[in-house]
Amino acid sequence: MSNRVLRTLLVAVLLLSTAASAQSFDPVEIRLFRTLFALPSALARYTYLQNEMPHLNADDRIVAMQMLASAESELGLYNRAVFSFPIKVSPPPGLVLPTAAQWRPAGAVDVIARLAAHRHIVMVNEAHHDAQTRVLALALLPRLYALGFRYFAAEALVDTDPGLQKRGYPVRSSGTEYLHEPIYGEIVREAIRLGFTIVPYDIEHQVAEQARETGQAENLYREVFAKHPDAHLFVLAGYAHIDKAKGRLGDITPMAMHLEALSGHVPLSIDQTQFLETGLQDTDNYHRLIARFRPTRPIVLINRSDGKVWSADPKLYDANVILPPALSMKSFGNSQSVDGQMYKNVADPAHLSLSTFMALDKMFRPAWLSLGGKRQAFPISAALCRKQLPCVVEAQYADESDNAIAADRYAFLQESAITNLYLFPGKYHLRAIDSRGKTLDEQAITIPRQ
């Protein structure tokens, strides 16, 4: 983990604090960060945090929970990541949720592309531990390129990889730990493939929130609009960086607000983090919206009378995206105890091992991983780990280097487990790796076109 990554993780905790300006780190938290800094992989960080969590007090545990969720997301344990860090975002003052009588759902990609047609800046936010919030950016890339957008800026990229654009794919040294998550890697690959100029824009050596917001905006202006005032820029950022007014960051002026002042272009800001699935309880605002509009893909809401797009806080951003539900206790296997309650799922007889007559433990992965059917399920099992658990099974594109960001990966934590990787048609190098980086198994695989 680089110093850049450590700083990013620190700032992420600050941004998620309800009293960000007052947040400080005690010696236990500093020890956590320093230990994580020295560990060689996400799997090693995951193991360390799992062992450390029971010994932490409540405040320190919140910090560790975010670090754990980040590691789980990188390991392909997507639902576990959301369960580990069920972030609760405070609703805007006076929020009135839309009703189906007044509003109708519409595909977010189509509506955002329409709204972007006469804009120079489009900003979409994401939750760093919830990779489903990255699927929208991947889908928007070709639509925005067709509209003339030629610059793509990603918060997770760093400016220490001059070969990225020519190489065509990100490697582990291309960015922070967030970039190591496979969907983020696909976003960067797709942007390069389409012809976007890639713009790293985050700042180094500064933890103070205001300095970071200002520095991000200045970097974007210098790299894009100072050179090409009429350029078209697509930005993928975290949380409230996309806000066009003060509010969610307290007295901090957000990056988008700074960039608007510098460039003279009003951003189209799209929020995905205000209404997120954080658990199985169905009484929060997210589940109320889901019950009313039942999305099966990312949606926005359109007013039935005037055609306007709904924003829960119009002064901050232009539209709220509502993602379809993805959480399932099946992500933990056939049985799991959560908060003292035992959940059980019926094992599919097809998963019965003929050699042992033991029901294999199927680990559910969310349906959004298929990317609308573009990626196919490829079955894997913990047998690839050669009885050395935990281990990570990952697929890398056959024509990319060993340090490339994986196309998909999954961490096996228990024996007899089976699941699927989700891969585009093509050739891959499949390997199983332990927490020290030792290869336990490897093979070449091909995903055929259907």
Protein backbone atom coordinates (compact mmCIF):
# COMPACT_ATOMS: atom_id res chain seq x y z
CA MET A 1 0.00 0.00 0.00
CA SER A 2 1.56 3.30 -1.07
CA ASN A 3 1.65 6.53 0.96
CA ARG A 4 -0.87 7.86 -1.56
CA VAL A 5 -3.22 5.00 -0.75
CA LEU A 6 -2.82 5.48 2.99
CA ARG A 7 -3.66 9.16 2.66
CA THR A 8 -6.68 8.34 0.50
CA LEU A 9 -7.98 5.89 3.07
CA LEU A 10 -7.52 8.44 5.83
CA VAL A 11 -9.42 11.08 3.89
CA ALA A 12 -12.18 8.59 3.04
CA VAL A 13 -12.76 8.06 6.75
CA LEU A 14 -12.84 11.82 7.25
CA LEU A 15 -15.39 12.31 4.48
CA LEU A 16 -17.65 9.65 5.93
CA SER A 17 -17.55 11.12 9.41
CA THR A 18 -20.63 13.06 10.46
CA ALA A 19 -18.28 15.55 12.10
CA ALA A 20 -15.46 15.46 9.58
CA SER A 21 -13.79 18.64 10.73
CA ALA A 22 -13.51 17.30 14.25
CA GLN A 23 -12.29 13.80 13.29
CA SER A 24 -8.91 12.82 14.70
CA PHE A 25 -6.97 9.58 14.81
CA ASP A 26 -5.95 8.00 18.07
CA PRO A 27 -2.82 5.84 18.54
CA VAL A 28 -4.76 2.61 17.90
CA GLU A 29 -5.99 3.91 14.55
CA ILE A 30 -2.51 5.09 13.59
CA ARG A 31 -1.19 1.63 14.42
CA LEU A 32 -3.90 0.10 12.25
CA PHE A 33 -2.97 2.27 9.28
CA ARG A 34 0.76 1.64 9.69
CA THR A 35 0.24 -2.11 9.91
CA LEU A 36 -2.02 -2.09 6.85
CA PHE A 37 0.61 -0.04 5.01
CA ALA A 38 3.14 -2.85 5.48
CA LEU A 39 0.93 -5.74 4.38
CA PRO A 40 1.47 -7.16 0.87
CA SER A 41 -2.09 -7.76 -0.35
CA ALA A 42 -5.80 -7.19 0.17
CA LEU A 43 -6.09 -10.75 1.50
CA ALA A 44 -3.42 -10.05 4.10
CA ARG A 45 -5.23 -6.83 5.10
CA TYR A 46 -8.52 -8.71 5.32
CA THR A 47 -7.02 -11.40 7.59
CA TYR A 48 -5.33 -8.84 9.82
CA LEU A 49 -8.48 -6.75 10.25
CA GLN A 50 -10.67 -9.78 10.98
CA ASN A 51 -8.29 -10.77 13.76
CA GLU A 52 -7.94 -7.23 15.10
CA MET A 53 -11.60 -6.13 15.11
CA PRO A 54 -12.71 -7.96 18.31
CA HIS A 55 -10.03 -6.09 20.29
CA LEU A 56 -11.00 -2.57 19.19
CA ASN A 57 -13.30 -0.12 20.92
CA ALA A 58 -16.43 1.13 19.14
CA ASP A 59 -14.85 4.21 17.52
CA ASP A 60 -11.76 2.39 16.30
CA ARG A 61 -13.94 -0.44 15.03
CA ILE A 62 -15.77 1.98 12.70
CA VAL A 63 -12.47 2.95 11.10
CA ALA A 64 -11.44 -0.71 10.80
CA MET A 65 -14.82 -1.60 9.30
CA GLN A 66 -14.22 0.74 6.38
CA MET A 67 -10.75 -0.68 5.82
CA LEU A 68 -12.21 -4.19 5.95
CA ALA A 69 -14.95 -3.31 3.46
CA SER A 70 -12.39 -1.84 1.07
CA ALA A 71 -10.36 -5.05 1.21
CA GLU A 72 -13.46 -7.20 0.71
CA SER A 73 -14.49 -5.21 -2.35
CA GLU A 74 -11.01 -5.62 -3.84
CA LEU A 75 -11.27 -9.37 -3.16
CA GLY A 76 -14.56 -9.72 -5.03
CA LEU A 77 -16.57 -10.23 -1.82
CA TYR A 78 -18.95 -7.50 -2.89
CA ASN A 79 -21.96 -8.17 -0.69
CA ARG A 80 -19.77 -8.83 2.32
CA ALA A 81 -18.17 -5.43 1.77
CA VAL A 82 -21.54 -3.68 1.97
CA PHE A 83 -22.58 -5.67 5.05
CA SER A 84 -19.23 -4.82 6.68
CA PHE A 85 -19.66 -1.07 6.29
CA PRO A 86 -23.38 -0.20 6.13
CA ILE A 87 -22.85 3.53 5.70
CA LYS A 88 -25.88 5.62 6.56
CA VAL A 89 -26.11 8.93 4.70
CA SER A 90 -28.24 11.57 6.38
CA PRO A 91 -31.24 12.60 4.24
CA PRO A 92 -31.42 16.18 2.94
CA PRO A 93 -33.45 18.49 5.21
CA GLY A 94 -37.17 18.30 4.45
CA LEU A 95 -36.80 15.30 2.13
CA VAL A 96 -40.08 14.13 0.58
CA LEU A 97 -39.68 10.86 -1.29
CA PRO A 98 -41.25 10.75 -4.77
CA THR A 99 -44.35 8.66 -5.37
CA ALA A 100 -45.18 6.46 -8.35
CA ALA A 101 -48.23 8.61 -9.04
CA GLN A 102 -46.06 11.65 -9.75
CA TRP A 103 -42.82 10.08 -10.98
CA ARG A 104 -41.86 7.30 -13.37
CA PRO A 105 -38.59 5.31 -13.56
CA ALA A 106 -36.28 5.61 -16.56
CA GLY A 107 -32.93 4.05 -17.44
CA ALA A 108 -30.17 6.12 -15.86
CA VAL A 109 -27.73 5.71 -18.76
CA ASP A 110 -30.16 7.01 -21.38
CA VAL A 111 -31.30 9.97 -19.29
CA ILE A 112 -27.81 11.01 -18.23
CA ALA A 113 -26.62 10.84 -21.86
CA ARG A 114 -29.51 13.10 -22.85
CA LEU A 115 -28.74 15.58 -20.06
CA ALA A 116 -25.03 15.55 -20.97
CA ALA A 117 -25.58 16.51 -24.61
CA HIS A 118 -25.04 20.23 -23.95
CA ARG A 119 -22.64 20.02 -21.00
CA HIS A 120 -18.83 20.18 -20.84
CA ILE A 121 -18.46 18.37 -17.50
CA VAL A 122 -20.23 15.24 -16.28
CA MET A 123 -19.49 14.00 -12.76
CA VAL A 124 -20.69 10.69 -11.33
CA ASN A 125 -19.92 9.66 -7.77
CA GLU A 126 -19.35 6.24 -6.25
CA ALA A 127 -19.08 4.60 -2.84
CA HIS A 128 -15.56 3.22 -2.58
CA HIS A 129 -16.57 -0.03 -0.90
CA ASP A 130 -19.69 -0.65 -3.04
CA ALA A 131 -18.53 -1.61 -6.53
CA GLN A 132 -22.08 -1.69 -7.90
CA THR A 133 -21.81 2.12 -7.94
CA ARG A 134 -19.08 1.76 -10.63
CA VAL A 135 -21.23 -0.08 -13.17
CA LEU A 136 -22.95 3.13 -14.27
CA ALA A 137 -19.65 4.81 -15.17
CA LEU A 138 -18.65 1.83 -17.29
CA ALA A 139 -21.94 1.98 -19.19
CA LEU A 140 -21.71 5.75 -19.67
CA LEU A 141 -18.26 5.76 -21.26
CA PRO A 142 -19.31 4.88 -24.86
CA ARG A 143 -22.39 7.10 -24.67
CA LEU A 144 -20.40 10.13 -23.56
CA TYR A 145 -17.63 9.47 -26.07
CA ALA A 146 -20.27 9.53 -28.81
CA LEU A 147 -21.29 12.98 -27.53
CA GLY A 148 -17.77 14.35 -27.91
CA PHE A 149 -16.34 13.75 -24.44
CA ARG A 150 -12.62 13.05 -24.79
CA TYR A 151 -11.21 13.31 -21.25
CA PHE A 152 -11.83 10.80 -18.48
CA ALA A 153 -10.68 11.58 -14.92
CA ALA A 154 -10.70 8.94 -12.19
CA GLU A 155 -10.05 9.68 -8.54
CA ALA A 156 -8.37 6.30 -8.00
CA LEU A 157 -5.64 6.92 -10.59
CA VAL A 158 -2.27 8.38 -9.64
CA ASP A 159 0.16 10.30 -11.80
CA THR A 160 3.06 7.86 -11.44
CA ASP A 161 2.20 5.58 -14.38
CA PRO A 162 3.17 7.43 -17.58
CA GLY A 163 2.81 4.22 -19.60
CA LEU A 164 -0.86 3.68 -18.78
CA GLN A 165 -2.37 5.25 -21.90
CA LYS A 166 -0.04 3.46 -24.32
CA ARG A 167 -0.20 0.15 -22.46
CA GLY A 168 -4.00 0.16 -22.56
CA TYR A 169 -4.71 -1.31 -19.13
CA PRO A 170 -4.01 -0.43 -15.48
CA VAL A 171 -1.50 -2.23 -13.27
CA ARG A 172 -1.34 -2.26 -9.51
CA SER A 173 1.00 0.75 -9.43
CA SER A 174 -1.41 2.81 -11.58
CA GLY A 175 -3.53 3.91 -8.67
CA THR A 176 -4.83 3.50 -5.15
CA GLU A 177 -6.30 0.34 -3.70
CA TYR A 178 -9.70 1.34 -5.07
CA LEU A 179 -8.35 0.87 -8.61
CA HIS A 180 -7.40 -2.73 -7.75
CA GLU A 181 -11.07 -3.67 -7.63
CA PRO A 182 -11.83 -5.40 -10.98
CA ILE A 183 -14.77 -3.24 -12.11
CA TYR A 184 -12.69 -0.09 -11.63
CA GLY A 185 -9.98 -1.72 -13.73
CA GLU A 186 -12.52 -2.39 -16.48
CA ILE A 187 -13.59 1.26 -16.44
CA VAL A 188 -10.03 2.39 -17.13
CA ARG A 189 -9.52 -0.24 -19.84
CA GLU A 190 -12.73 0.78 -21.59
CA ALA A 191 -11.91 4.48 -21.41
CA ILE A 192 -8.52 3.89 -23.04
CA ARG A 193 -9.99 1.53 -25.65
CA LEU A 194 -12.58 4.11 -26.67
CA GLY A 195 -9.96 6.84 -27.07
CA PHE A 196 -10.37 8.96 -23.93
CA THR A 197 -7.35 10.84 -22.60
CA ILE A 198 -6.90 9.60 -19.03
CA VAL A 199 -6.50 12.27 -16.34
CA PRO A 200 -5.27 11.44 -12.82
CA TYR A 201 -6.29 14.37 -10.66
CA ASP A 202 -6.06 13.59 -6.95
CA ILE A 203 -3.42 15.37 -4.87
CA GLU A 204 -0.57 14.04 -2.75
CA HIS A 205 0.96 14.97 0.60
CA GLN A 206 -2.18 16.64 1.94
CA VAL A 207 -4.82 15.26 4.29
CA ALA A 208 -6.72 18.51 4.98
CA GLU A 209 -10.08 18.18 3.28
CA GLN A 210 -10.36 21.71 1.87
CA ALA A 211 -6.88 21.56 0.39
CA ARG A 212 -7.76 18.28 -1.26
CA GLU A 213 -11.00 19.58 -2.80
CA THR A 214 -9.24 22.69 -4.09
CA GLY A 215 -6.25 20.75 -5.36
CA GLN A 216 -8.39 18.25 -7.25
CA ALA A 217 -10.24 21.05 -9.06
CA GLU A 218 -7.04 22.90 -9.89
CA ASN A 219 -5.48 19.71 -11.30
CA LEU A 220 -8.51 19.07 -13.52
CA TYR A 221 -8.52 22.65 -14.74
CA ARG A 222 -4.78 22.66 -15.47
CA GLU A 223 -4.78 19.31 -17.27
CA VAL A 224 -7.96 19.87 -19.30
CA PHE A 225 -9.59 23.30 -19.50
CA ALA A 226 -6.47 25.48 -19.28
CA LYS A 227 -5.30 23.74 -22.46
CA HIS A 228 -8.68 23.26 -24.14
CA PRO A 229 -11.35 25.62 -22.74
CA ASP A 230 -14.16 23.92 -24.67
CA ALA A 231 -13.12 20.37 -23.77
CA HIS A 232 -15.60 17.75 -22.57
CA LEU A 233 -14.67 15.97 -19.34
CA PHE A 234 -16.13 12.91 -17.60
CA VAL A 235 -15.18 12.57 -13.91
CA LEU A 236 -15.61 9.55 -11.62
CA ALA A 237 -15.26 10.71 -8.02
CA GLY A 238 -16.09 9.58 -4.52
CA TYR A 239 -19.11 10.69 -2.53
CA ALA A 240 -19.58 14.48 -2.14
CA HIS A 241 -16.70 15.63 -4.36
CA ILE A 242 -19.33 16.07 -7.11
CA ASP A 243 -21.46 18.54 -5.14
CA LYS A 244 -21.93 22.01 -6.63
CA ALA A 245 -22.55 23.74 -3.28
CA LYS A 246 -21.59 23.37 0.36
CA GLY A 247 -23.60 20.96 2.44
CA ARG A 248 -22.57 17.33 2.73
CA LEU A 249 -18.99 18.28 3.60
CA GLY A 250 -19.99 20.89 6.16
CA ASP A 251 -18.09 24.13 5.56
CA ILE A 252 -15.83 22.49 2.97
CA THR A 253 -16.23 23.79 -0.60
CA PRO A 254 -16.49 20.69 -2.83
CA MET A 255 -14.25 19.99 -5.81
CA ALA A 256 -17.09 20.40 -8.34
CA MET A 257 -17.88 23.86 -7.02
CA HIS A 258 -14.23 24.89 -7.43
CA LEU A 259 -13.99 23.45 -10.94
CA GLU A 260 -17.11 25.32 -12.03
CA ALA A 261 -15.56 28.60 -10.88
CA LEU A 262 -12.26 27.86 -12.64
CA SER A 263 -13.64 26.56 -15.93
CA GLY A 264 -16.86 28.53 -16.31
CA HIS A 265 -18.68 25.26 -17.04
CA VAL A 266 -21.52 24.09 -14.80
CA PRO A 267 -21.08 20.36 -14.13
CA LEU A 268 -23.82 17.82 -14.59
CA SER A 269 -23.52 16.09 -11.20
CA ILE A 270 -25.04 12.63 -10.71
CA ASP A 271 -25.36 11.14 -7.23
CA GLN A 272 -25.43 7.40 -6.48
CA THR A 273 -24.56 7.45 -2.78
CA GLN A 274 -27.52 9.22 -1.15
CA PHE A 275 -29.80 6.19 -1.48
CA LEU A 276 -27.84 2.94 -1.19
CA GLU A 277 -28.69 -0.56 -0.08
CA THR A 278 -26.88 -1.02 3.22
CA GLY A 279 -28.63 -4.03 4.74
CA LEU A 280 -31.68 -6.26 4.69
CA GLN A 281 -33.97 -4.01 6.74
CA ASP A 282 -36.71 -2.66 4.48
CA THR A 283 -37.70 0.49 6.38
CA ASP A 284 -35.05 2.95 5.16
CA ASN A 285 -35.44 5.45 2.33
CA TYR A 286 -33.65 3.21 -0.17
CA HIS A 287 -36.07 0.34 0.36
CA ARG A 288 -39.05 2.69 0.25
CA LEU A 289 -37.91 3.83 -3.19
CA ILE A 290 -37.31 0.24 -4.28
CA ALA A 291 -40.81 -0.77 -3.19
CA ARG A 292 -42.32 2.09 -5.20
CA PHE A 293 -40.30 1.83 -8.42
CA ARG A 294 -38.85 -1.75 -8.46
CA PRO A 295 -35.71 -1.13 -10.55
CA THR A 296 -33.95 -3.97 -12.34
CA ARG A 297 -31.20 -1.65 -13.62
CA PRO A 298 -29.87 1.76 -12.52
CA ILE A 299 -32.72 4.25 -12.80
CA VAL A 300 -33.53 7.90 -12.35
CA LEU A 301 -37.01 9.28 -11.76
CA ILE A 302 -38.83 11.50 -14.26
CA ASN A 303 -41.68 13.79 -13.27
CA ARG A 304 -44.85 12.71 -15.09
CA SER A 305 -46.01 16.32 -15.50
CA ASP A 306 -42.99 18.36 -16.58
CA GLY A 307 -40.38 15.72 -17.49
CA LYS A 308 -37.82 16.96 -14.96
CA VAL A 309 -35.38 14.54 -13.38
CA TRP A 310 -35.66 14.07 -9.62
CA SER A 311 -32.90 15.29 -7.34
CA ALA A 312 -33.26 14.96 -3.58
CA ASP A 313 -31.05 18.03 -3.17
CA PRO A 314 -31.01 20.08 -6.40
CA LYS A 315 -28.56 22.68 -5.14
CA LEU A 316 -25.93 19.96 -4.71
CA TYR A 317 -26.52 17.65 -7.69
CA ASP A 318 -28.79 17.19 -10.68
CA ALA A 319 -30.13 13.66 -10.28
CA ASN A 320 -30.24 10.68 -7.95
CA VAL A 321 -29.53 7.25 -9.39
CA ILE A 322 -31.29 4.35 -7.68
CA LEU A 323 -29.57 0.99 -8.03
CA PRO A 324 -31.41 -2.33 -7.97
CA PRO A 325 -31.11 -4.42 -4.79
CA ALA A 326 -28.17 -6.81 -4.73
CA LEU A 327 -27.61 -7.97 -1.13
CA SER A 328 -28.24 -11.57 -0.15
CA MET A 329 -27.29 -13.70 2.84
CA LYS A 330 -26.44 -16.37 0.25
CA SER A 331 -23.16 -14.53 -0.19
CA PHE A 332 -22.10 -16.21 3.06
CA GLY A 333 -22.91 -19.71 1.83
CA ASN A 334 -25.53 -22.22 2.84
CA SER A 335 -25.75 -21.09 6.45
CA GLN A 336 -24.51 -18.11 8.39
CA SER A 337 -25.09 -16.62 11.80
CA VAL A 338 -25.60 -12.84 11.72
CA ASP A 339 -26.43 -10.85 14.86
CA GLY A 340 -27.27 -14.07 16.64
CA GLN A 341 -29.76 -15.24 14.01
CA MET A 342 -29.05 -18.29 11.87
CA TYR A 343 -29.83 -17.98 8.18
CA LYS A 344 -30.04 -21.17 6.16
CA ASN A 345 -30.33 -21.71 2.42
CA VAL A 346 -31.18 -25.01 0.74
CA ALA A 347 -28.17 -26.40 -1.08
CA ASP A 348 -28.77 -27.23 -4.73
CA PRO A 349 -28.46 -31.04 -5.18
CA ALA A 350 -26.36 -30.30 -8.28
CA HIS A 351 -23.66 -29.08 -5.90
CA LEU A 352 -23.33 -32.49 -4.20
CA SER A 353 -19.79 -33.78 -4.43
CA LEU A 354 -19.87 -37.40 -5.67
CA SER A 355 -16.46 -38.08 -4.19
CA THR A 356 -17.40 -37.08 -0.63
CA PHE A 357 -21.21 -36.97 -0.67
CA MET A 358 -20.86 -33.58 0.99
CA ALA A 359 -22.97 -30.61 -0.08
CA LEU A 360 -20.71 -27.93 -1.48
CA ASP A 361 -21.15 -24.45 -0.10
CA LYS A 362 -22.28 -22.17 -2.95
CA MET A 363 -21.25 -18.56 -2.46
CA PHE A 364 -23.71 -16.25 -4.19
CA ARG A 365 -22.32 -13.27 -6.10
CA PRO A 366 -24.54 -10.34 -7.18
CA ALA A 367 -26.24 -10.45 -10.58
CA TRP A 368 -24.86 -7.06 -11.64
CA LEU A 369 -21.47 -8.74 -12.14
CA SER A 370 -22.70 -10.07 -15.49
CA LEU A 371 -22.84 -6.44 -16.71
CA GLY A 372 -26.17 -6.96 -18.39
CA GLY A 373 -25.26 -10.39 -19.78
CA LYS A 374 -21.99 -9.26 -21.39
CA ARG A 375 -19.92 -11.38 -19.00
CA GLN A 376 -20.38 -15.10 -18.49
CA ALA A 377 -20.26 -17.11 -15.29
CA PHE A 378 -17.18 -19.34 -14.97
CA PRO A 379 -17.33 -21.83 -12.07
CA ILE A 380 -14.46 -22.01 -9.58
CA SER A 381 -14.00 -23.79 -6.27
CA ALA A 382 -11.81 -23.67 -3.18
CA ALA A 383 -10.10 -26.83 -4.44
CA LEU A 384 -7.87 -24.48 -6.45
CA CYS A 385 -6.43 -23.29 -3.13
CA ARG A 386 -4.83 -26.68 -2.45
CA LYS A 387 -6.16 -26.64 1.14
CA GLN A 388 -4.29 -23.40 1.90
CA LEU A 389 -7.02 -21.01 2.98
CA PRO A 390 -7.77 -18.23 2.70
CA CYS A 391 -6.73 -17.72 -0.90
CA VAL A 392 -7.70 -15.61 -3.88
CA VAL A 393 -8.64 -17.02 -7.28
CA GLU A 394 -8.34 -14.43 -10.03
CA ALA A 395 -8.53 -14.29 -13.80
CA GLN A 396 -6.19 -11.99 -15.72
CA TYR A 397 -6.40 -11.25 -19.41
CA ALA A 398 -3.94 -13.54 -21.22
CA ASP A 399 -2.35 -10.67 -23.15
CA GLU A 400 -1.72 -8.52 -20.08
CA SER A 401 1.17 -8.55 -17.61
CA ASP A 402 1.13 -10.37 -14.29
CA ASN A 403 0.70 -7.12 -12.35
CA ALA A 404 -2.38 -6.04 -14.34
CA ILE A 405 -5.64 -5.42 -12.49
CA ALA A 406 -7.59 -8.70 -12.58
CA ALA A 407 -10.66 -9.10 -14.77
CA ASP A 408 -12.39 -10.68 -11.77
CA ARG A 409 -11.37 -12.33 -8.53
CA TYR A 410 -12.86 -14.06 -5.53
CA ALA A 411 -11.40 -14.83 -2.10
CA PHE A 412 -12.18 -18.27 -0.72
CA LEU A 413 -12.37 -18.27 3.06
CA GLN A 414 -13.56 -21.83 3.70
CA GLU A 415 -13.25 -25.31 2.25
CA SER A 416 -15.95 -26.90 0.06
CA ALA A 417 -16.93 -23.47 -1.27
CA ILE A 418 -17.86 -22.89 -4.91
CA THR A 419 -18.81 -19.76 -6.82
CA ASN A 420 -18.44 -18.06 -10.20
CA LEU A 421 -16.13 -15.54 -11.75
CA TYR A 422 -17.72 -13.26 -14.36
CA LEU A 423 -15.69 -12.78 -17.53
CA PHE A 424 -16.02 -11.38 -21.03
CA PRO A 425 -15.41 -13.86 -23.87
CA GLY A 426 -11.67 -14.31 -24.37
CA LYS A 427 -8.54 -15.96 -23.03
CA TYR A 428 -7.39 -15.68 -19.43
CA HIS A 429 -4.71 -16.78 -17.02
CA LEU A 430 -6.41 -18.25 -13.94
CA ARG A 431 -4.43 -18.56 -10.74
CA ALA A 432 -4.90 -19.12 -7.03
CA ILE A 433 -2.76 -17.02 -4.66
CA ASP A 434 -2.27 -17.11 -0.90
CA SER A 435 -2.01 -14.04 1.35
CA ARG A 436 1.77 -13.86 0.85
CA GLY A 437 1.43 -13.78 -2.93
CA LYS A 438 2.51 -17.39 -3.51
CA THR A 439 0.85 -19.06 -6.51
CA LEU A 440 -0.98 -22.24 -5.45
CA ASP A 441 -2.49 -23.22 -8.79
CA GLU A 442 -2.67 -21.76 -12.30
CA GLN A 443 -4.14 -22.65 -15.67
CA ALA A 444 -5.15 -21.14 -18.98
CA ILE A 445 -8.89 -20.80 -19.62
CA THR A 446 -11.04 -19.61 -22.51
CA ILE A 447 -14.50 -18.08 -22.27
CA PRO A 448 -16.25 -18.79 -25.59
CA ARG A 449 -18.59 -16.41 -27.35
CA GLN A 450 -22.22 -17.45 -27.07
